[in-house]
C-alpha atoms as a PDB file:
ATOM      1  CA  MET A   1       0.000   0.000   0.000  1.00  0.00           C
ATOM      2  CA  ASN A   2       2.893   2.353   0.832  1.00  0.00           C
ATOM      3  CA  ASN A   3       4.184   1.895  -2.725  1.00  0.00           C
ATOM      4  CA  ILE A   4       0.850   3.112  -4.108  1.00  0.00           C
ATOM      5  CA  PHE A   5      -0.025   5.947  -1.732  1.00  0.00           C
ATOM      6  CA  ASN A   6       1.884   7.578   1.092  1.00  0.00           C
ATOM      7  CA  PRO A   7       0.342  10.727   2.652  1.00  0.00           C
ATOM      8  CA  GLY A   8       3.677  12.419   3.328  1.00  0.00           C
ATOM      9  CA  ARG A   9       5.046  11.662  -0.120  1.00  0.00           C
ATOM     10  CA  PHE A  10       1.793  12.755  -1.747  1.00  0.00           C
ATOM     11  CA  GLY A  11       1.825  16.008   0.232  1.00  0.00           C
ATOM     12  CA  ARG A  12       5.344  16.822  -0.948  1.00  0.00           C
ATOM     13  CA  LEU A  13       4.378  16.017  -4.545  1.00  0.00           C
ATOM     14  CA  PHE A  14       1.286  18.217  -4.300  1.00  0.00           C
ATOM     15  CA  ILE A  15       3.322  21.126  -2.908  1.00  0.00           C
ATOM     16  CA  LYS A  16       5.990  20.674  -5.601  1.00  0.00           C
ATOM     17  CA  HIS A  17       3.362  20.645  -8.347  1.00  0.00           C
ATOM     18  CA  THR A  18       1.684  23.724  -6.876  1.00  0.00           C
ATOM     19  CA  THR A  19       4.891  25.762  -6.594  1.00  0.00           C
ATOM     20  CA  GLU A  20       5.851  24.906 -10.182  1.00  0.00           C
ATOM     21  CA  HIS A  21       2.465  25.612 -11.752  1.00  0.00           C
ATOM     22  CA  TYR A  22       0.681  28.145  -9.540  1.00  0.00           C
ATOM     23  CA  LYS A  23       1.531  31.060 -11.848  1.00  0.00           C
ATOM     24  CA  ASN A  24      -0.035  29.330 -14.861  1.00  0.00           C
ATOM     25  CA  TYR A  25      -3.044  28.230 -12.826  1.00  0.00           C
ATOM     26  CA  LEU A  26      -3.513  31.706 -11.372  1.00  0.00           C
ATOM     27  CA  MET A  27      -3.254  33.270 -14.820  1.00  0.00           C
ATOM     28  CA  SER A  28      -5.805  30.789 -16.172  1.00  0.00           C
ATOM     29  CA  LEU A  29      -8.157  31.626 -13.291  1.00  0.00           C
ATOM     30  CA  ILE A  30      -7.840  35.355 -13.972  1.00  0.00           C
ATOM     31  CA  VAL A  31      -8.549  34.787 -17.676  1.00  0.00           C
ATOM     32  CA  LEU A  32     -11.601  32.673 -16.821  1.00  0.00           C
ATOM     33  CA  PHE A  33     -12.904  35.319 -14.439  1.00  0.00           C
ATOM     34  CA  GLY A  34     -12.245  38.058 -17.006  1.00  0.00           C
ATOM     35  CA  VAL A  35     -14.089  36.204 -19.766  1.00  0.00           C
ATOM     36  CA  MET A  36     -17.051  35.538 -17.467  1.00  0.00           C
ATOM     37  CA  LEU A  37     -17.135  39.157 -16.287  1.00  0.00           C
ATOM     38  CA  LEU A  38     -16.893  40.490 -19.848  1.00  0.00           C
ATOM     39  CA  GLY A  39     -19.662  38.160 -21.024  1.00  0.00           C
ATOM     40  CA  ALA A  40     -21.895  39.123 -18.101  1.00  0.00           C
ATOM     41  CA  SER A  41     -21.280  42.821 -18.800  1.00  0.00           C
ATOM     42  CA  PHE A  42     -22.416  42.392 -22.410  1.00  0.00           C
ATOM     43  CA  LEU A  43     -25.538  40.555 -21.250  1.00  0.00           C
ATOM     44  CA  VAL A  44     -26.409  43.301 -18.771  1.00  0.00           C
ATOM     45  CA  TYR A  45     -25.867  45.917 -21.477  1.00  0.00           C
ATOM     46  CA  LEU A  46     -27.856  44.104 -24.186  1.00  0.00           C
ATOM     47  CA  ILE A  47     -30.700  42.604 -22.143  1.00  0.00           C
ATOM     48  CA  HIS A  48     -32.888  45.253 -20.545  1.00  0.00           C
ATOM     49  CA  ALA A  49     -34.415  42.810 -18.089  1.00  0.00           C
ATOM     50  CA  PRO A  50     -33.357  40.898 -14.976  1.00  0.00           C
ATOM     51  CA  ILE A  51     -31.102  37.913 -15.614  1.00  0.00           C
ATOM     52  CA  ASP A  52     -33.418  34.975 -14.966  1.00  0.00           C
ATOM     53  CA  LEU A  53     -32.582  31.482 -13.743  1.00  0.00           C
ATOM     54  CA  GLY A  54     -32.780  30.009 -17.244  1.00  0.00           C
ATOM     55  CA  LEU A  55     -30.014  32.263 -18.553  1.00  0.00           C
ATOM     56  CA  GLN A  56     -27.924  31.779 -15.412  1.00  0.00           C
ATOM     57  CA  THR A  57     -28.227  28.005 -15.764  1.00  0.00           C
ATOM     58  CA  ALA A  58     -27.320  28.016 -19.460  1.00  0.00           C
ATOM     59  CA  MET A  59     -24.233  30.158 -18.879  1.00  0.00           C
ATOM     60  CA  PHE A  60     -23.175  28.139 -15.823  1.00  0.00           C
ATOM     61  CA  ILE A  61     -23.308  24.822 -17.667  1.00  0.00           C
ATOM     62  CA  ALA A  62     -21.802  25.995 -20.968  1.00  0.00           C
ATOM     63  CA  ILE A  63     -18.793  27.726 -19.400  1.00  0.00           C
ATOM     64  CA  MET A  64     -18.201  24.927 -16.886  1.00  0.00           C
ATOM     65  CA  LEU A  65     -18.135  22.203 -19.533  1.00  0.00           C
ATOM     66  CA  LEU A  66     -15.967  24.153 -21.985  1.00  0.00           C
ATOM     67  CA  ALA A  67     -13.493  25.657 -19.517  1.00  0.00           C
ATOM     68  CA  GLY A  68     -13.283  22.461 -17.485  1.00  0.00           C
ATOM     69  CA  THR A  69     -12.454  20.201 -20.410  1.00  0.00           C
ATOM     70  CA  ILE A  70      -9.931  22.665 -21.852  1.00  0.00           C
ATOM     71  CA  PHE A  71      -8.152  22.939 -18.505  1.00  0.00           C
ATOM     72  CA  THR A  72      -8.236  19.178 -17.936  1.00  0.00           C
ATOM     73  CA  SER A  73      -6.618  18.546 -21.315  1.00  0.00           C
ATOM     74  CA  THR A  74      -3.502  20.415 -20.100  1.00  0.00           C
ATOM     75  CA  VAL A  75      -2.868  18.729 -16.741  1.00  0.00           C
ATOM     76  CA  PHE A  76      -0.601  16.021 -18.159  1.00  0.00           C
ATOM     77  CA  ALA A  77       1.313  18.377 -20.455  1.00  0.00           C
ATOM     78  CA  ASP A  78       4.567  17.654 -18.588  1.00  0.00           C
ATOM     79  CA  PHE A  79       4.356  14.011 -19.653  1.00  0.00           C
ATOM     80  CA  ALA A  80       4.109  14.951 -23.336  1.00  0.00           C
ATOM     81  CA  GLU A  81       7.361  16.940 -23.596  1.00  0.00           C
ATOM     82  CA  ASN A  82      10.489  14.775 -23.688  1.00  0.00           C
ATOM     83  CA  LYS A  83      12.601  16.797 -21.250  1.00  0.00           C
ATOM     84  CA  LYS A  84       9.793  17.376 -18.765  1.00  0.00           C
ATOM     85  CA  ALA A  85       8.513  13.826 -19.189  1.00  0.00           C
ATOM     86  CA  ILE A  86      11.799  12.349 -17.953  1.00  0.00           C
ATOM     87  CA  SER A  87      11.726  14.605 -14.899  1.00  0.00           C
ATOM     88  CA  SER A  88       8.058  13.840 -14.185  1.00  0.00           C
ATOM     89  CA  LEU A  89       8.382  10.086 -14.625  1.00  0.00           C
ATOM     90  CA  THR A  90      11.489   9.804 -12.445  1.00  0.00           C
ATOM     91  CA  LEU A  91      10.001  11.721  -9.520  1.00  0.00           C
ATOM     92  CA  PRO A  92      10.075   9.627  -6.313  1.00  0.00           C
ATOM     93  CA  ALA A  93       6.307   9.211  -6.220  1.00  0.00           C
ATOM     94  CA  SER A  94       3.900   6.526  -7.374  1.00  0.00           C
ATOM     95  CA  HIS A  95       1.883   6.770 -10.567  1.00  0.00           C
ATOM     96  CA  PHE A  96      -1.281   6.911  -8.471  1.00  0.00           C
ATOM     97  CA  GLU A  97      -0.015   9.939  -6.541  1.00  0.00           C
ATOM     98  CA  LYS A  98       0.910  11.734  -9.766  1.00  0.00           C
ATOM     99  CA  TYR A  99      -2.495  10.874 -11.185  1.00  0.00           C
ATOM    100  CA  LEU A 100      -4.265  12.024  -8.022  1.00  0.00           C
ATOM    101  CA  VAL A 101      -2.570  15.437  -8.115  1.00  0.00           C
ATOM    102  CA  ALA A 102      -3.754  15.971 -11.700  1.00  0.00           C
ATOM    103  CA  TRP A 103      -7.244  14.701 -10.828  1.00  0.00           C
ATOM    104  CA  LEU A 104      -7.578  16.971  -7.796  1.00  0.00           C
ATOM    105  CA  TYR A 105      -6.485  20.080  -9.683  1.00  0.00           C
ATOM    106  CA  SER A 106      -8.581  19.433 -12.791  1.00  0.00           C
ATOM    107  CA  PHE A 107     -11.738  18.257 -11.009  1.00  0.00           C
ATOM    108  CA  VAL A 108     -12.064  19.263  -7.357  1.00  0.00           C
ATOM    109  CA  ILE A 109      -9.997  22.462  -7.281  1.00  0.00           C
ATOM    110  CA  PHE A 110     -11.284  23.566 -10.685  1.00  0.00           C
ATOM    111  CA  LEU A 111     -14.908  23.197  -9.566  1.00  0.00           C
ATOM    112  CA  ILE A 112     -14.275  25.125  -6.335  1.00  0.00           C
ATOM    113  CA  CYS A 113     -12.582  27.984  -8.214  1.00  0.00           C
ATOM    114  CA  TYR A 114     -15.214  27.954 -10.945  1.00  0.00           C
ATOM    115  CA  LEU A 115     -18.091  28.131  -8.465  1.00  0.00           C
ATOM    116  CA  ALA A 116     -16.420  31.043  -6.651  1.00  0.00           C
ATOM    117  CA  CYS A 117     -15.891  32.948  -9.933  1.00  0.00           C
ATOM    118  CA  PHE A 118     -19.383  32.217 -11.230  1.00  0.00           C
ATOM    119  CA  TYR A 119     -21.197  33.310  -8.085  1.00  0.00           C
ATOM    120  CA  LEU A 120     -19.152  36.503  -7.839  1.00  0.00           C
ATOM    121  CA  VAL A 121     -19.839  37.395 -11.486  1.00  0.00           C
ATOM    122  CA  ASP A 122     -23.477  36.323 -11.153  1.00  0.00           C
ATOM    123  CA  TRP A 123     -23.966  38.532  -8.091  1.00  0.00           C
ATOM    124  CA  LEU A 124     -22.351  41.510  -9.827  1.00  0.00           C
ATOM    125  CA  ALA A 125     -24.457  41.020 -12.974  1.00  0.00           C
ATOM    126  CA  ILE A 126     -27.739  40.656 -11.090  1.00  0.00           C
ATOM    127  CA  ASN A 127     -27.081  43.739  -8.966  1.00  0.00           C
ATOM    128  CA  ALA A 128     -25.692  45.866 -11.816  1.00  0.00           C
ATOM    129  CA  ARG A 129     -29.189  47.082 -12.658  1.00  0.00           C
ATOM    130  CA  HIS A 130     -32.374  47.189 -10.645  1.00  0.00           C
ATOM    131  CA  TYR A 131     -35.840  46.887 -12.150  1.00  0.00           C
ATOM    132  CA  PRO A 132     -39.249  47.637 -10.600  1.00  0.00           C
ATOM    133  CA  GLY A 133     -40.525  44.616  -8.683  1.00  0.00           C
ATOM    134  CA  GLN A 134     -37.316  42.682  -9.317  1.00  0.00           C
ATOM    135  CA  GLN A 135     -36.735  39.658  -7.109  1.00  0.00           C
ATOM    136  CA  ILE A 136     -33.083  38.685  -6.965  1.00  0.00           C
ATOM    137  CA  VAL A 137     -32.826  34.938  -7.523  1.00  0.00           C
ATOM    138  CA  MET A 138     -29.434  33.287  -7.880  1.00  0.00           C
ATOM    139  CA  LEU A 139     -28.749  29.845  -9.265  1.00  0.00           C
ATOM    140  CA  ASN A 140     -28.873  27.005  -6.740  1.00  0.00           C
ATOM    141  CA  VAL A 141     -26.244  24.436  -7.694  1.00  0.00           C
ATOM    142  CA  PHE A 142     -27.780  21.838  -5.387  1.00  0.00           C
ATOM    143  CA  ASN A 143     -30.982  21.353  -7.361  1.00  0.00           C
ATOM    144  CA  ARG A 144     -31.503  18.027  -9.132  1.00  0.00           C
ATOM    145  CA  TYR A 145     -30.905  19.363 -12.652  1.00  0.00           C
ATOM    146  CA  ILE A 146     -27.578  21.037 -11.828  1.00  0.00           C
ATOM    147  CA  ILE A 147     -26.378  17.965  -9.939  1.00  0.00           C
ATOM    148  CA  PHE A 148     -27.062  15.918 -13.079  1.00  0.00           C
ATOM    149  CA  CYS A 149     -25.017  18.482 -15.033  1.00  0.00           C
ATOM    150  CA  PHE A 150     -22.162  17.927 -12.574  1.00  0.00           C
ATOM    151  CA  LEU A 151     -22.340  14.243 -13.500  1.00  0.00           C
ATOM    152  CA  ILE A 152     -22.096  15.185 -17.186  1.00  0.00           C
ATOM    153  CA  PHE A 153     -19.099  17.350 -16.320  1.00  0.00           C
ATOM    154  CA  ALA A 154     -17.486  14.418 -14.497  1.00  0.00           C
ATOM    155  CA  PHE A 155     -18.041  12.241 -17.584  1.00  0.00           C
ATOM    156  CA  LEU A 156     -16.501  14.826 -19.935  1.00  0.00           C
ATOM    157  CA  HIS A 157     -13.696  15.422 -17.441  1.00  0.00           C
ATOM    158  CA  ALA A 158     -12.889  11.702 -17.471  1.00  0.00           C
ATOM    159  CA  ILE A 159     -12.726  11.685 -21.273  1.00  0.00           C
ATOM    160  CA  ALA A 160     -10.582  14.837 -21.338  1.00  0.00           C
ATOM    161  CA  LEU A 161      -8.269  13.392 -18.675  1.00  0.00           C
ATOM    162  CA  TRP A 162      -7.842  10.217 -20.705  1.00  0.00           C
ATOM    163  CA  GLY A 163      -7.141  12.268 -23.846  1.00  0.00           C
ATOM    164  CA  ALA A 164      -4.641  14.430 -21.964  1.00  0.00           C
ATOM    165  CA  ILE A 165      -2.430  11.419 -21.235  1.00  0.00           C
ATOM    166  CA  PHE A 166      -3.238   9.407 -24.380  1.00  0.00           C
ATOM    167  CA  TYR A 167      -2.295  12.102 -26.930  1.00  0.00           C
ATOM    168  CA  ASN A 168       1.084  13.830 -26.944  1.00  0.00           C
ATOM    169  CA  LYS A 169       0.029  16.968 -28.833  1.00  0.00           C
ATOM    170  CA  LEU A 170      -3.170  18.944 -29.404  1.00  0.00           C
ATOM    171  CA  HIS A 171      -4.799  17.084 -26.530  1.00  0.00           C
ATOM    172  CA  PHE A 172      -8.081  19.011 -26.472  1.00  0.00           C
ATOM    173  CA  VAL A 173      -8.567  19.102 -30.242  1.00  0.00           C
ATOM    174  CA  LYS A 174      -7.815  15.408 -30.761  1.00  0.00           C
ATOM    175  CA  THR A 175      -9.928  14.320 -27.791  1.00  0.00           C
ATOM    176  CA  ALA A 176     -12.870  16.472 -28.894  1.00  0.00           C
ATOM    177  CA  PHE A 177     -12.580  15.128 -32.451  1.00  0.00           C
ATOM    178  CA  ALA A 178     -12.533  11.513 -31.226  1.00  0.00           C
ATOM    179  CA  PHE A 179     -15.457  12.223 -28.879  1.00  0.00           C
ATOM    180  CA  PHE A 180     -17.702  13.700 -31.581  1.00  0.00           C
ATOM    181  CA  ILE A 181     -16.795  10.944 -34.045  1.00  0.00           C
ATOM    182  CA  GLY A 182     -17.724   8.405 -31.370  1.00  0.00           C
ATOM    183  CA  ILE A 183     -21.050  10.148 -30.684  1.00  0.00           C
ATOM    184  CA  ALA A 184     -21.850  10.241 -34.419  1.00  0.00           C
ATOM    185  CA  LEU A 185     -21.109   6.513 -34.773  1.00  0.00           C
ATOM    186  CA  LEU A 186     -23.272   5.696 -31.747  1.00  0.00           C
ATOM    187  CA  MET A 187     -26.139   7.722 -33.211  1.00  0.00           C
ATOM    188  CA  LEU A 188     -25.861   5.873 -36.537  1.00  0.00           C
ATOM    189  CA  ILE A 189     -25.750   2.473 -34.835  1.00  0.00           C
ATOM    190  CA  ASN A 190     -28.670   3.499 -32.621  1.00  0.00           C
ATOM    191  CA  LYS A 191     -30.726   4.588 -35.643  1.00  0.00           C
ATOM    192  CA  PHE A 192     -30.200   1.412 -37.670  1.00  0.00           C
ATOM    193  CA  LEU A 193     -30.570  -0.922 -34.680  1.00  0.00           C
ATOM    194  CA  LEU A 194     -33.859   0.631 -33.538  1.00  0.00           C
ATOM    195  CA  GLY A 195     -35.106   0.771 -37.126  1.00  0.00           C
ATOM    196  CA  TYR A 196     -34.392  -2.945 -37.515  1.00  0.00           C
ATOM    197  CA  LEU A 197     -36.035  -3.869 -34.210  1.00  0.00           C
ATOM    198  CA  LEU A 198     -39.144  -1.712 -34.672  1.00  0.00           C
ATOM    199  CA  GLN A 199     -39.430  -2.017 -38.446  1.00  0.00           C
ATOM    200  CA  LYS A 200     -40.082   1.730 -38.546  1.00  0.00           C
ATOM    201  CA  SER A 201     -38.403   4.771 -40.020  1.00  0.00           C
ATOM    202  CA  VAL A 202     -36.349   5.995 -37.049  1.00  0.00           C
ATOM    203  CA  LEU A 203     -34.854   9.487 -36.987  1.00  0.00           C
ATOM    204  CA  MET A 204     -31.339  10.210 -35.751  1.00  0.00           C
ATOM    205  CA  ALA A 205     -31.117  10.516 -31.967  1.00  0.00           C
ATOM    206  CA  PRO A 206     -28.452   9.931 -29.316  1.00  0.00           C
ATOM    207  CA  PRO A 207     -28.553   6.638 -27.403  1.00  0.00           C
ATOM    208  CA  PHE A 208     -30.994   6.747 -24.466  1.00  0.00           C
ATOM    209  CA  GLY A 209     -32.456   9.982 -25.805  1.00  0.00           C
ATOM    210  CA  ALA A 210     -35.948  10.433 -27.213  1.00  0.00           C
ATOM    211  CA  LEU A 211     -37.066   7.780 -29.703  1.00  0.00           C
ATOM    212  CA  ARG A 212     -38.312   9.623 -32.804  1.00  0.00           C
ATOM    213  CA  ILE A 213     -40.120   7.693 -35.529  1.00  0.00           C
ATOM    214  CA  MET A 214     -42.105   8.663 -38.607  1.00  0.00           C
ATOM    215  CA  GLU A 215     -45.713   7.416 -38.481  1.00  0.00           C
ATOM    216  CA  HIS A 216     -48.083   8.355 -41.349  1.00  0.00           C
ATOM    217  CA  ASN A 217     -45.801  11.250 -42.350  1.00  0.00           C
ATOM    218  CA  ARG A 218     -45.847  12.565 -38.780  1.00  0.00           C
ATOM    219  CA  GLU A 219     -42.992  12.623 -36.303  1.00  0.00           C
ATOM    220  CA  VAL A 220     -43.795  10.784 -33.066  1.00  0.00           C
ATOM    221  CA  SER A 221     -41.475  11.017 -30.056  1.00  0.00           C
ATOM    222  CA  PHE A 222     -41.177   8.677 -27.090  1.00  0.00           C
ATOM    223  CA  PHE A 223     -39.257   9.715 -23.990  1.00  0.00           C
ATOM    224  CA  ILE A 224     -37.647   7.681 -21.223  1.00  0.00           C
ATOM    225  CA  ALA A 225     -39.812   7.648 -18.101  1.00  0.00           C
ATOM    226  CA  GLN A 226     -38.374   9.503 -15.109  1.00  0.00           C
ATOM    227  CA  ASP A 227     -38.020   6.287 -13.105  1.00  0.00           C
ATOM    228  CA  ASP A 228     -36.126   4.638 -15.961  1.00  0.00           C
ATOM    229  CA  GLY A 229     -33.920   7.722 -16.294  1.00  0.00           C
ATOM    230  CA  ASN A 230     -31.911   6.512 -13.297  1.00  0.00           C
ATOM    231  CA  PHE A 231     -30.383   3.939 -15.641  1.00  0.00           C
ATOM    232  CA  VAL A 232     -28.804   6.764 -17.655  1.00  0.00           C
ATOM    233  CA  ILE A 233     -27.357   8.233 -14.452  1.00  0.00           C
ATOM    234  CA  TRP A 234     -25.828   4.901 -13.456  1.00  0.00           C
ATOM    235  CA  LEU A 235     -24.489   4.407 -16.991  1.00  0.00           C
ATOM    236  CA  LEU A 236     -22.849   7.848 -17.023  1.00  0.00           C
ATOM    237  CA  GLY A 237     -21.357   7.157 -13.607  1.00  0.00           C
ATOM    238  CA  ALA A 238     -19.958   3.810 -14.746  1.00  0.00           C
ATOM    239  CA  LEU A 239     -18.473   5.294 -17.935  1.00  0.00           C
ATOM    240  CA  THR A 240     -16.911   8.097 -15.902  1.00  0.00           C
ATOM    241  CA  LEU A 241     -15.186   5.608 -13.602  1.00  0.00           C
ATOM    242  CA  ILE A 242     -14.030   3.563 -16.604  1.00  0.00           C
ATOM    243  CA  PHE A 243     -12.399   6.569 -18.310  1.00  0.00           C
ATOM    244  CA  TRP A 244     -10.816   7.740 -15.047  1.00  0.00           C
ATOM    245  CA  ALA A 245      -9.356   4.251 -14.613  1.00  0.00           C
ATOM    246  CA  ALA A 246      -8.251   4.165 -18.263  1.00  0.00           C
ATOM    247  CA  ALA A 247      -6.405   7.467 -17.791  1.00  0.00           C
ATOM    248  CA  TYR A 248      -4.644   6.077 -14.714  1.00  0.00           C
ATOM    249  CA  TYR A 249      -3.530   2.883 -16.432  1.00  0.00           C
ATOM    250  CA  ARG A 250      -2.415   4.861 -19.471  1.00  0.00           C
ATOM    251  CA  LEU A 251      -0.243   6.946 -17.141  1.00  0.00           C
ATOM    252  CA  LYS A 252       1.195   3.756 -15.635  1.00  0.00           C
ATOM    253  CA  GLU A 253       2.259   2.670 -19.131  1.00  0.00           C
ATOM    254  CA  LYS A 254       4.415   5.766 -19.548  1.00  0.00           C
ATOM    255  CA  GLN A 255       8.104   4.861 -19.415  1.00  0.00           C
ATOM    256  CA  VAL A 256      11.281   6.926 -19.424  1.00  0.00           C
END
C-alpha cells in the first residue's frame, strides 16, 4: 500500500506541483474570471431585463463544460514533452499519486474555483441594474438538474483526462474530435438498430435519448420515463469511472 499511496510523499508532490504551476493556474483563473465578467457585462448591457434562472443556468453549464475540459486537457502536459517527461516520470512518487494530483487540480480544485468565480460574477451582474418589482434569484447548484449536469461534467472530465495522457500533442482538439466521431457513430448504430427492431423509419437521436419515428408522415417522439432515467445516471457514472481508470492505467504505461 505504501508503494501506491503515502500521505507524506503525496503532500510533498502536491506542494511541488503547486509551486511549479501556480503562476499558470492563477493566470488561467484570472482569464476565466475576465471572460465571465466580460460576457456578463455584455448581457447586462444588451438585455434590458433581470437575468433569470434560465439564462444563469445556461451560462453556468456551458462555461463549466468548456473551460473544465480545456483545462483538464492540459494537466498532463509535462508528460508529453520529452525533457519534462523524464523529470516527471522519475520523480520519487507513485503513478497513483501523480495521477491524483492531476485529478484533484482538474476536477475538485477547478470546480471550487469555478463556483467562486461564477457566483461573484453572477452577483455583480444581477445587482448591476435594478428593475421595478425585481426579485433577486441566484442559481442554486444543489438542485436536481444542476447535480445531473455535474455528473455530465465528471463524464466529460474523465474523457478529457484520458485524452490528456493518451495524446502527446493537441490534446483538447484530438480528444474532442474523437469524442464527436464516437457520438456520431453511436447515433448511426442506434438509428439502424432501432429501425431494424421496430421495423419503422427511425430518426437520428443519441442513445438513451428520445425515440423519434415517422408514423403516417408525422414525427412521433417517445421519452424515457423519469423512473427509468436513473439507468442513464448509473451508466454515465460507470463510464466516468471507466475513463478515469483508463487514464490512470495509461499513465502507468508511460516509461522513461
